[in-house]
All heavy atoms as atom14 arrays in JSON, in Angstrom:
{
  "sequence": "VKRGLDSLYRKVEKHLCEEENLLQVVWRAMQEEFITQYKY",
  "atom14_mask": [
    [1, 1, 1, 1, 1, 1, 1, 0, 0, 0, 0, 0, 0, 0],
    [1, 1, 1, 1, 1, 1, 1, 1, 1, 0, 0, 0, 0, 0],
    [1, 1, 1, 1, 1, 1, 1, 1, 1, 1, 1, 0, 0, 0],
    [1, 1, 1, 1, 0, 0, 0, 0, 0, 0, 0, 0, 0, 0],
    [1, 1, 1, 1, 1, 1, 1, 1, 0, 0, 0, 0, 0, 0],
    [1, 1, 1, 1, 1, 1, 1, 1, 0, 0, 0, 0, 0, 0],
    [1, 1, 1, 1, 1, 1, 0, 0, 0, 0, 0, 0, 0, 0],
    [1, 1, 1, 1, 1, 1, 1, 1, 0, 0, 0, 0, 0, 0],
    [1, 1, 1, 1, 1, 1, 1, 1, 1, 1, 1, 1, 0, 0],
    [1, 1, 1, 1, 1, 1, 1, 1, 1, 1, 1, 0, 0, 0],
    [1, 1, 1, 1, 1, 1, 1, 1, 1, 0, 0, 0, 0, 0],
    [1, 1, 1, 1, 1, 1, 1, 0, 0, 0, 0, 0, 0, 0],
    [1, 1, 1, 1, 1, 1, 1, 1, 1, 0, 0, 0, 0, 0],
    [1, 1, 1, 1, 1, 1, 1, 1, 1, 0, 0, 0, 0, 0],
    [1, 1, 1, 1, 1, 1, 1, 1, 1, 1, 0, 0, 0, 0],
    [1, 1, 1, 1, 1, 1, 1, 1, 0, 0, 0, 0, 0, 0],
    [1, 1, 1, 1, 1, 1, 0, 0, 0, 0, 0, 0, 0, 0],
    [1, 1, 1, 1, 1, 1, 1, 1, 1, 0, 0, 0, 0, 0],
    [1, 1, 1, 1, 1, 1, 1, 1, 1, 0, 0, 0, 0, 0],
    [1, 1, 1, 1, 1, 1, 1, 1, 1, 0, 0, 0, 0, 0],
    [1, 1, 1, 1, 1, 1, 1, 1, 0, 0, 0, 0, 0, 0],
    [1, 1, 1, 1, 1, 1, 1, 1, 0, 0, 0, 0, 0, 0],
    [1, 1, 1, 1, 1, 1, 1, 1, 0, 0, 0, 0, 0, 0],
    [1, 1, 1, 1, 1, 1, 1, 1, 1, 0, 0, 0, 0, 0],
    [1, 1, 1, 1, 1, 1, 1, 0, 0, 0, 0, 0, 0, 0],
    [1, 1, 1, 1, 1, 1, 1, 0, 0, 0, 0, 0, 0, 0],
    [1, 1, 1, 1, 1, 1, 1, 1, 1, 1, 1, 1, 1, 1],
    [1, 1, 1, 1, 1, 1, 1, 1, 1, 1, 1, 0, 0, 0],
    [1, 1, 1, 1, 1, 0, 0, 0, 0, 0, 0, 0, 0, 0],
    [1, 1, 1, 1, 1, 1, 1, 1, 0, 0, 0, 0, 0, 0],
    [1, 1, 1, 1, 1, 1, 1, 1, 1, 0, 0, 0, 0, 0],
    [1, 1, 1, 1, 1, 1, 1, 1, 1, 0, 0, 0, 0, 0],
    [1, 1, 1, 1, 1, 1, 1, 1, 1, 0, 0, 0, 0, 0],
    [1, 1, 1, 1, 1, 1, 1, 1, 1, 1, 1, 0, 0, 0],
    [1, 1, 1, 1, 1, 1, 1, 1, 0, 0, 0, 0, 0, 0],
    [1, 1, 1, 1, 1, 1, 1, 0, 0, 0, 0, 0, 0, 0],
    [1, 1, 1, 1, 1, 1, 1, 1, 1, 0, 0, 0, 0, 0],
    [1, 1, 1, 1, 1, 1, 1, 1, 1, 1, 1, 1, 0, 0],
    [1, 1, 1, 1, 1, 1, 1, 1, 1, 0, 0, 0, 0, 0],
    [1, 1, 1, 1, 1, 1, 1, 1, 1, 1, 1, 1, 0, 0]
  ],
  "atom14_positions": [
    [[0.87, -1.18, -0.09], [-0.02, -0.03, -0.03], [0.93, 1.23, -0.09], [0.72, 2.13, -0.83], [-0.99, -0.02, 1.19], [-1.67, 1.3, 1.33], [-1.94, -1.15, 0.91], [0.0, 0.0, 0.0], [0.0, 0.0, 0.0], [0.0, 0.0, 0.0], [0.0, 0.0, 0.0], [0.0, 0.0, 0.0], [0.0, 0.0, 0.0], [0.0, 0.0, 0.0]],
    [[1.97, 1.26, 0.84], [2.86, 2.35, 0.95], [3.59, 2.61, -0.44], [3.69, 3.65, -0.9], [3.92, 2.19, 2.02], [4.73, 3.41, 2.12], [5.67, 3.38, 3.28], [6.45, 4.75, 3.47], [7.52, 4.7, 4.39], [0.0, 0.0, 0.0], [0.0, 0.0, 0.0], [0.0, 0.0, 0.0], [0.0, 0.0, 0.0], [0.0, 0.0, 0.0]],
    [[3.99, 1.46, -1.01], [4.63, 1.58, -2.35], [3.74, 2.08, -3.39], [4.12, 2.97, -4.18], [5.14, 0.22, -2.85], [6.05, 0.18, -4.02], [6.53, -1.21, -4.37], [7.35, -1.7, -3.23], [7.39, -3.13, -3.02], [6.83, -3.9, -3.86], [8.14, -3.46, -2.02], [0.0, 0.0, 0.0], [0.0, 0.0, 0.0], [0.0, 0.0, 0.0]],
    [[2.51, 1.75, -3.4], [1.54, 2.34, -4.38], [1.31, 3.86, -4.09], [1.35, 4.56, -5.03], [0.0, 0.0, 0.0], [0.0, 0.0, 0.0], [0.0, 0.0, 0.0], [0.0, 0.0, 0.0], [0.0, 0.0, 0.0], [0.0, 0.0, 0.0], [0.0, 0.0, 0.0], [0.0, 0.0, 0.0], [0.0, 0.0, 0.0], [0.0, 0.0, 0.0]],
    [[1.22, 4.24, -2.87], [1.05, 5.62, -2.56], [2.31, 6.39, -3.0], [2.25, 7.59, -3.45], [0.92, 5.8, -1.08], [-0.6, 5.34, -0.48], [-0.56, 5.38, 0.93], [-1.7, 6.23, -1.16], [0.0, 0.0, 0.0], [0.0, 0.0, 0.0], [0.0, 0.0, 0.0], [0.0, 0.0, 0.0], [0.0, 0.0, 0.0], [0.0, 0.0, 0.0]],
    [[3.41, 5.8, -2.85], [4.67, 6.53, -3.2], [4.74, 6.86, -4.65], [5.14, 7.82, -5.06], [5.89, 5.67, -2.77], [7.17, 6.47, -2.76], [7.29, 7.37, -1.98], [8.12, 6.12, -3.61], [0.0, 0.0, 0.0], [0.0, 0.0, 0.0], [0.0, 0.0, 0.0], [0.0, 0.0, 0.0], [0.0, 0.0, 0.0], [0.0, 0.0, 0.0]],
    [[4.35, 5.72, -5.42], [4.3, 6.07, -6.92], [3.17, 7.07, -7.31], [3.48, 7.82, -8.33], [4.32, 4.72, -7.76], [3.01, 4.25, -7.64], [0.0, 0.0, 0.0], [0.0, 0.0, 0.0], [0.0, 0.0, 0.0], [0.0, 0.0, 0.0], [0.0, 0.0, 0.0], [0.0, 0.0, 0.0], [0.0, 0.0, 0.0], [0.0, 0.0, 0.0]],
    [[2.07, 7.09, -6.56], [1.1, 8.09, -6.89], [1.66, 9.46, -6.5], [1.42, 10.36, -7.35], [-0.15, 7.79, -5.95], [-1.15, 8.83, -6.07], [-1.93, 8.74, -7.35], [-2.25, 8.62, -4.94], [0.0, 0.0, 0.0], [0.0, 0.0, 0.0], [0.0, 0.0, 0.0], [0.0, 0.0, 0.0], [0.0, 0.0, 0.0], [0.0, 0.0, 0.0]],
    [[2.36, 9.54, -5.4], [3.0, 10.92, -5.02], [3.81, 11.46, -6.16], [3.82, 12.58, -6.63], [3.75, 10.76, -3.81], [4.12, 12.15, -3.34], [3.32, 12.93, -2.48], [5.38, 12.71, -3.62], [3.84, 14.21, -1.93], [5.89, 13.94, -3.11], [4.97, 14.69, -2.4], [5.41, 15.91, -1.95], [0.0, 0.0, 0.0], [0.0, 0.0, 0.0]],
    [[4.69, 10.48, -6.7], [5.53, 10.91, -7.8], [4.82, 11.37, -9.05], [5.28, 12.4, -9.7], [6.53, 9.69, -8.02], [7.6, 9.56, -7.15], [8.89, 8.79, -7.68], [8.44, 7.37, -7.92], [8.57, 6.52, -6.92], [9.01, 6.74, -5.72], [8.24, 5.19, -7.17], [0.0, 0.0, 0.0], [0.0, 0.0, 0.0], [0.0, 0.0, 0.0]],
    [[3.81, 10.64, -9.33], [2.93, 11.13, -10.45], [2.39, 12.53, -10.18], [2.43, 13.44, -11.16], [1.69, 10.13, -10.61], [1.02, 10.16, -12.06], [-0.19, 9.28, -12.34], [-0.38, 8.13, -11.55], [-1.57, 7.34, -11.95], [0.0, 0.0, 0.0], [0.0, 0.0, 0.0], [0.0, 0.0, 0.0], [0.0, 0.0, 0.0], [0.0, 0.0, 0.0]],
    [[1.78, 12.77, -8.98], [1.13, 14.04, -8.72], [2.24, 15.11, -8.61], [2.06, 16.26, -9.2], [0.42, 13.89, -7.43], [-0.1, 15.35, -6.95], [-0.68, 12.98, -7.34], [0.0, 0.0, 0.0], [0.0, 0.0, 0.0], [0.0, 0.0, 0.0], [0.0, 0.0, 0.0], [0.0, 0.0, 0.0], [0.0, 0.0, 0.0], [0.0, 0.0, 0.0]],
    [[3.41, 14.74, -8.21], [4.55, 15.73, -8.15], [4.9, 16.21, -9.48], [5.15, 17.38, -9.81], [5.66, 15.1, -7.28], [6.73, 15.93, -6.88], [7.95, 15.21, -6.17], [8.07, 14.03, -6.44], [8.45, 15.91, -5.24], [0.0, 0.0, 0.0], [0.0, 0.0, 0.0], [0.0, 0.0, 0.0], [0.0, 0.0, 0.0], [0.0, 0.0, 0.0]],
    [[4.88, 15.26, -10.5], [5.26, 15.65, -11.82], [4.3, 16.66, -12.38], [4.65, 17.59, -13.03], [5.26, 14.33, -12.7], [6.58, 13.85, -12.74], [6.58, 12.75, -13.8], [7.81, 11.68, -13.67], [7.38, 10.36, -13.32], [0.0, 0.0, 0.0], [0.0, 0.0, 0.0], [0.0, 0.0, 0.0], [0.0, 0.0, 0.0], [0.0, 0.0, 0.0]],
    [[2.86, 16.4, -12.11], [1.93, 17.31, -12.57], [2.02, 18.66, -11.88], [1.85, 19.66, -12.49], [0.57, 16.75, -12.19], [0.08, 15.53, -12.9], [-1.06, 14.76, -12.46], [0.64, 15.0, -14.03], [-1.1, 13.77, -13.39], [-0.1, 13.96, -14.28], [0.0, 0.0, 0.0], [0.0, 0.0, 0.0], [0.0, 0.0, 0.0], [0.0, 0.0, 0.0]],
    [[2.43, 18.72, -10.51], [2.3, 19.92, -9.77], [3.63, 20.5, -9.33], [3.62, 21.23, -8.37], [1.49, 19.71, -8.52], [0.03, 19.07, -8.77], [-0.6, 18.78, -7.39], [-0.82, 20.11, -9.51], [0.0, 0.0, 0.0], [0.0, 0.0, 0.0], [0.0, 0.0, 0.0], [0.0, 0.0, 0.0], [0.0, 0.0, 0.0], [0.0, 0.0, 0.0]],
    [[4.7, 20.24, -10.1], [6.0, 20.59, -9.76], [6.15, 22.06, -9.41], [6.84, 22.44, -8.55], [7.16, 20.02, -10.58], [6.87, 20.5, -12.28], [0.0, 0.0, 0.0], [0.0, 0.0, 0.0], [0.0, 0.0, 0.0], [0.0, 0.0, 0.0], [0.0, 0.0, 0.0], [0.0, 0.0, 0.0], [0.0, 0.0, 0.0], [0.0, 0.0, 0.0]],
    [[5.47, 22.91, -10.25], [5.66, 24.31, -10.12], [4.96, 24.83, -8.76], [5.28, 25.86, -8.12], [5.06, 25.09, -11.18], [5.62, 24.79, -12.56], [7.15, 24.95, -12.59], [7.63, 26.1, -12.4], [7.82, 23.9, -12.96], [0.0, 0.0, 0.0], [0.0, 0.0, 0.0], [0.0, 0.0, 0.0], [0.0, 0.0, 0.0], [0.0, 0.0, 0.0]],
    [[3.82, 24.11, -8.43], [2.92, 24.55, -7.39], [3.24, 23.85, -6.13], [2.5, 23.02, -5.71], [1.52, 24.27, -7.84], [0.56, 25.42, -8.25], [0.78, 26.69, -7.54], [0.99, 26.72, -6.33], [0.67, 27.76, -8.04], [0.0, 0.0, 0.0], [0.0, 0.0, 0.0], [0.0, 0.0, 0.0], [0.0, 0.0, 0.0], [0.0, 0.0, 0.0]],
    [[4.2, 24.33, -5.35], [4.56, 23.69, -4.11], [3.38, 23.59, -3.27], [3.05, 22.56, -2.6], [5.75, 24.3, -3.37], [6.15, 23.68, -2.12], [6.58, 22.26, -2.31], [7.24, 21.94, -3.27], [6.34, 21.42, -1.38], [0.0, 0.0, 0.0], [0.0, 0.0, 0.0], [0.0, 0.0, 0.0], [0.0, 0.0, 0.0], [0.0, 0.0, 0.0]],
    [[2.72, 24.75, -3.12], [1.51, 24.8, -2.17], [0.45, 23.93, -2.62], [-0.21, 23.32, -1.75], [1.14, 26.35, -2.29], [0.64, 26.88, -1.07], [0.53, 26.05, -0.1], [0.28, 28.09, -1.03], [0.0, 0.0, 0.0], [0.0, 0.0, 0.0], [0.0, 0.0, 0.0], [0.0, 0.0, 0.0], [0.0, 0.0, 0.0], [0.0, 0.0, 0.0]],
    [[0.12, 23.8, -3.88], [-0.99, 23.0, -4.39], [-0.68, 21.45, -4.12], [-1.52, 20.67, -4.02], [-1.23, 23.28, -5.89], [-2.46, 22.88, -6.47], [-3.68, 23.29, -5.74], [-2.58, 23.42, -7.9], [0.0, 0.0, 0.0], [0.0, 0.0, 0.0], [0.0, 0.0, 0.0], [0.0, 0.0, 0.0], [0.0, 0.0, 0.0], [0.0, 0.0, 0.0]],
    [[0.64, 21.18, -4.25], [0.97, 19.67, -4.1], [0.55, 19.35, -2.7], [0.04, 18.22, -2.55], [2.49, 19.57, -4.32], [3.02, 18.21, -4.03], [2.41, 17.13, -4.92], [4.63, 18.1, -4.23], [0.0, 0.0, 0.0], [0.0, 0.0, 0.0], [0.0, 0.0, 0.0], [0.0, 0.0, 0.0], [0.0, 0.0, 0.0], [0.0, 0.0, 0.0]],
    [[0.82, 20.1, -1.71], [0.45, 19.76, -0.28], [-1.16, 19.74, -0.21], [-1.59, 18.75, 0.45], [0.92, 20.87, 0.65], [2.47, 20.81, 0.76], [3.07, 22.0, 1.57], [2.28, 22.97, 1.8], [4.29, 22.02, 1.75], [0.0, 0.0, 0.0], [0.0, 0.0, 0.0], [0.0, 0.0, 0.0], [0.0, 0.0, 0.0], [0.0, 0.0, 0.0]],
    [[-1.76, 20.51, -0.85], [-3.18, 20.6, -0.75], [-3.84, 19.29, -1.45], [-4.76, 18.55, -0.73], [-3.75, 21.84, -1.44], [-5.28, 21.68, -1.54], [-3.39, 23.06, -0.72], [0.0, 0.0, 0.0], [0.0, 0.0, 0.0], [0.0, 0.0, 0.0], [0.0, 0.0, 0.0], [0.0, 0.0, 0.0], [0.0, 0.0, 0.0], [0.0, 0.0, 0.0]],
    [[-3.28, 18.92, -2.57], [-3.8, 17.82, -3.32], [-3.4, 16.47, -2.4], [-4.34, 15.68, -2.19], [-3.14, 17.65, -4.62], [-3.4, 16.26, -5.31], [-3.79, 18.65, -5.58], [0.0, 0.0, 0.0], [0.0, 0.0, 0.0], [0.0, 0.0, 0.0], [0.0, 0.0, 0.0], [0.0, 0.0, 0.0], [0.0, 0.0, 0.0], [0.0, 0.0, 0.0]],
    [[-2.2, 16.48, -1.88], [-1.79, 15.26, -1.12], [-2.77, 15.11, 0.1], [-3.12, 13.98, 0.5], [-0.24, 15.34, -0.82], [0.33, 14.08, -0.25], [0.94, 13.92, 0.87], [0.39, 12.76, -1.0], [1.44, 12.69, 0.99], [1.05, 11.94, -0.15], [-0.17, 12.44, -2.2], [1.24, 10.66, -0.44], [0.08, 11.03, -2.47], [0.63, 10.12, -1.72]],
    [[-3.04, 16.16, 0.79], [-3.87, 16.14, 1.96], [-5.23, 15.64, 1.52], [-5.86, 14.87, 2.22], [-3.93, 17.51, 2.55], [-5.08, 17.66, 3.81], [-4.73, 16.91, 4.96], [-3.28, 16.94, 5.48], [-2.87, 17.86, 6.23], [-3.66, 18.81, 6.7], [-1.62, 17.75, 6.72], [0.0, 0.0, 0.0], [0.0, 0.0, 0.0], [0.0, 0.0, 0.0]],
    [[-5.79, 16.11, 0.44], [-7.08, 15.74, -0.09], [-6.98, 14.25, -0.42], [-8.1, 13.54, -0.08], [-7.39, 16.49, -1.31], [0.0, 0.0, 0.0], [0.0, 0.0, 0.0], [0.0, 0.0, 0.0], [0.0, 0.0, 0.0], [0.0, 0.0, 0.0], [0.0, 0.0, 0.0], [0.0, 0.0, 0.0], [0.0, 0.0, 0.0], [0.0, 0.0, 0.0]],
    [[-5.87, 13.75, -0.97], [-5.86, 12.27, -1.35], [-5.83, 11.52, 0.09], [-6.42, 10.41, 0.04], [-4.57, 12.03, -2.12], [-4.81, 12.57, -3.7], [-3.42, 12.16, -4.61], [-4.16, 12.54, -6.26], [0.0, 0.0, 0.0], [0.0, 0.0, 0.0], [0.0, 0.0, 0.0], [0.0, 0.0, 0.0], [0.0, 0.0, 0.0], [0.0, 0.0, 0.0]],
    [[-5.13, 12.0, 0.99], [-5.11, 11.27, 2.28], [-6.49, 11.18, 2.9], [-6.84, 10.12, 3.36], [-4.18, 12.11, 3.26], [-4.22, 11.5, 4.7], [-3.34, 12.44, 5.59], [-2.05, 12.47, 5.31], [-3.85, 13.04, 6.55], [0.0, 0.0, 0.0], [0.0, 0.0, 0.0], [0.0, 0.0, 0.0], [0.0, 0.0, 0.0], [0.0, 0.0, 0.0]],
    [[-7.29, 12.31, 2.81], [-8.77, 12.28, 3.37], [-9.45, 11.24, 2.61], [-10.34, 10.45, 3.13], [-9.27, 13.63, 3.27], [-8.68, 14.51, 4.4], [-9.11, 15.98, 4.07], [-10.02, 16.31, 3.29], [-8.38, 16.83, 4.81], [0.0, 0.0, 0.0], [0.0, 0.0, 0.0], [0.0, 0.0, 0.0], [0.0, 0.0, 0.0], [0.0, 0.0, 0.0]],
    [[-9.34, 11.24, 1.23], [-10.24, 10.26, 0.4], [-9.75, 8.84, 0.84], [-10.56, 7.93, 0.86], [-9.76, 10.58, -1.14], [-10.45, 9.67, -2.08], [-11.94, 9.58, -2.02], [-12.68, 10.48, -1.55], [-12.46, 8.5, -2.24], [0.0, 0.0, 0.0], [0.0, 0.0, 0.0], [0.0, 0.0, 0.0], [0.0, 0.0, 0.0], [0.0, 0.0, 0.0]],
    [[-8.49, 8.51, 1.0], [-8.08, 7.25, 1.34], [-8.64, 6.77, 2.63], [-9.12, 5.7, 2.77], [-6.42, 7.06, 1.39], [-5.95, 5.7, 1.35], [-6.66, 4.68, 0.82], [-4.74, 5.44, 1.92], [-6.14, 3.48, 0.79], [-4.23, 4.14, 2.0], [-4.92, 3.13, 1.36], [0.0, 0.0, 0.0], [0.0, 0.0, 0.0], [0.0, 0.0, 0.0]],
    [[-8.58, 7.69, 3.63], [-9.19, 7.35, 4.98], [-10.64, 7.06, 4.74], [-11.13, 6.23, 5.5], [-8.86, 8.51, 6.0], [-7.28, 8.43, 6.2], [-9.67, 8.4, 7.31], [-6.72, 9.55, 7.13], [0.0, 0.0, 0.0], [0.0, 0.0, 0.0], [0.0, 0.0, 0.0], [0.0, 0.0, 0.0], [0.0, 0.0, 0.0], [0.0, 0.0, 0.0]],
    [[-11.38, 7.82, 3.98], [-12.73, 7.56, 3.83], [-12.96, 6.22, 3.25], [-13.84, 5.54, 3.69], [-13.39, 8.68, 2.83], [-13.12, 9.95, 3.45], [-14.79, 8.54, 2.54], [0.0, 0.0, 0.0], [0.0, 0.0, 0.0], [0.0, 0.0, 0.0], [0.0, 0.0, 0.0], [0.0, 0.0, 0.0], [0.0, 0.0, 0.0], [0.0, 0.0, 0.0]],
    [[-12.29, 5.85, 2.32], [-12.37, 4.52, 1.59], [-11.98, 3.39, 2.72], [-12.74, 2.47, 2.78], [-11.48, 4.37, 0.48], [-12.0, 5.2, -0.72], [-11.04, 5.0, -2.0], [-10.41, 3.95, -2.1], [-11.08, 6.01, -2.86], [0.0, 0.0, 0.0], [0.0, 0.0, 0.0], [0.0, 0.0, 0.0], [0.0, 0.0, 0.0], [0.0, 0.0, 0.0]],
    [[-11.0, 3.67, 3.44], [-10.6, 2.74, 4.55], [-11.68, 2.57, 5.53], [-12.07, 1.39, 5.9], [-9.29, 3.25, 5.18], [-8.79, 2.38, 6.25], [-7.85, 1.4, 6.04], [-9.23, 2.57, 7.66], [-7.31, 0.61, 7.13], [-8.83, 1.69, 8.62], [-7.92, 0.72, 8.37], [-7.36, -0.08, 9.3], [0.0, 0.0, 0.0], [0.0, 0.0, 0.0]],
    [[-12.34, 3.69, 6.05], [-13.42, 3.61, 6.99], [-14.54, 2.77, 6.51], [-15.24, 2.04, 7.19], [-13.79, 4.92, 7.54], [-12.89, 5.61, 8.37], [-13.21, 7.06, 8.82], [-12.33, 7.55, 9.89], [-12.62, 9.0, 10.13], [0.0, 0.0, 0.0], [0.0, 0.0, 0.0], [0.0, 0.0, 0.0], [0.0, 0.0, 0.0], [0.0, 0.0, 0.0]],
    [[-14.91, 3.06, 5.18], [-16.02, 2.36, 4.57], [-15.72, 0.84, 4.59], [-16.66, 0.02, 4.97], [-16.16, 2.9, 3.12], [-16.85, 2.09, 2.15], [-18.32, 2.24, 2.22], [-16.39, 1.31, 1.22], [-19.09, 1.41, 1.35], [-17.12, 0.49, 0.33], [-18.49, 0.53, 0.35], [-19.19, -0.15, -0.5], [0.0, 0.0, 0.0], [0.0, 0.0, 0.0]]
  ]
}
């Protein structure tokens, strides 16, 4: 699971490399989405 998340982060980082701030926002949103799926 961690390995999968790591490769996801790299993909998102490539998309958002200019936007340091936005990368953190997106990563936090992905964390919340994952926790929602986990709780379900």
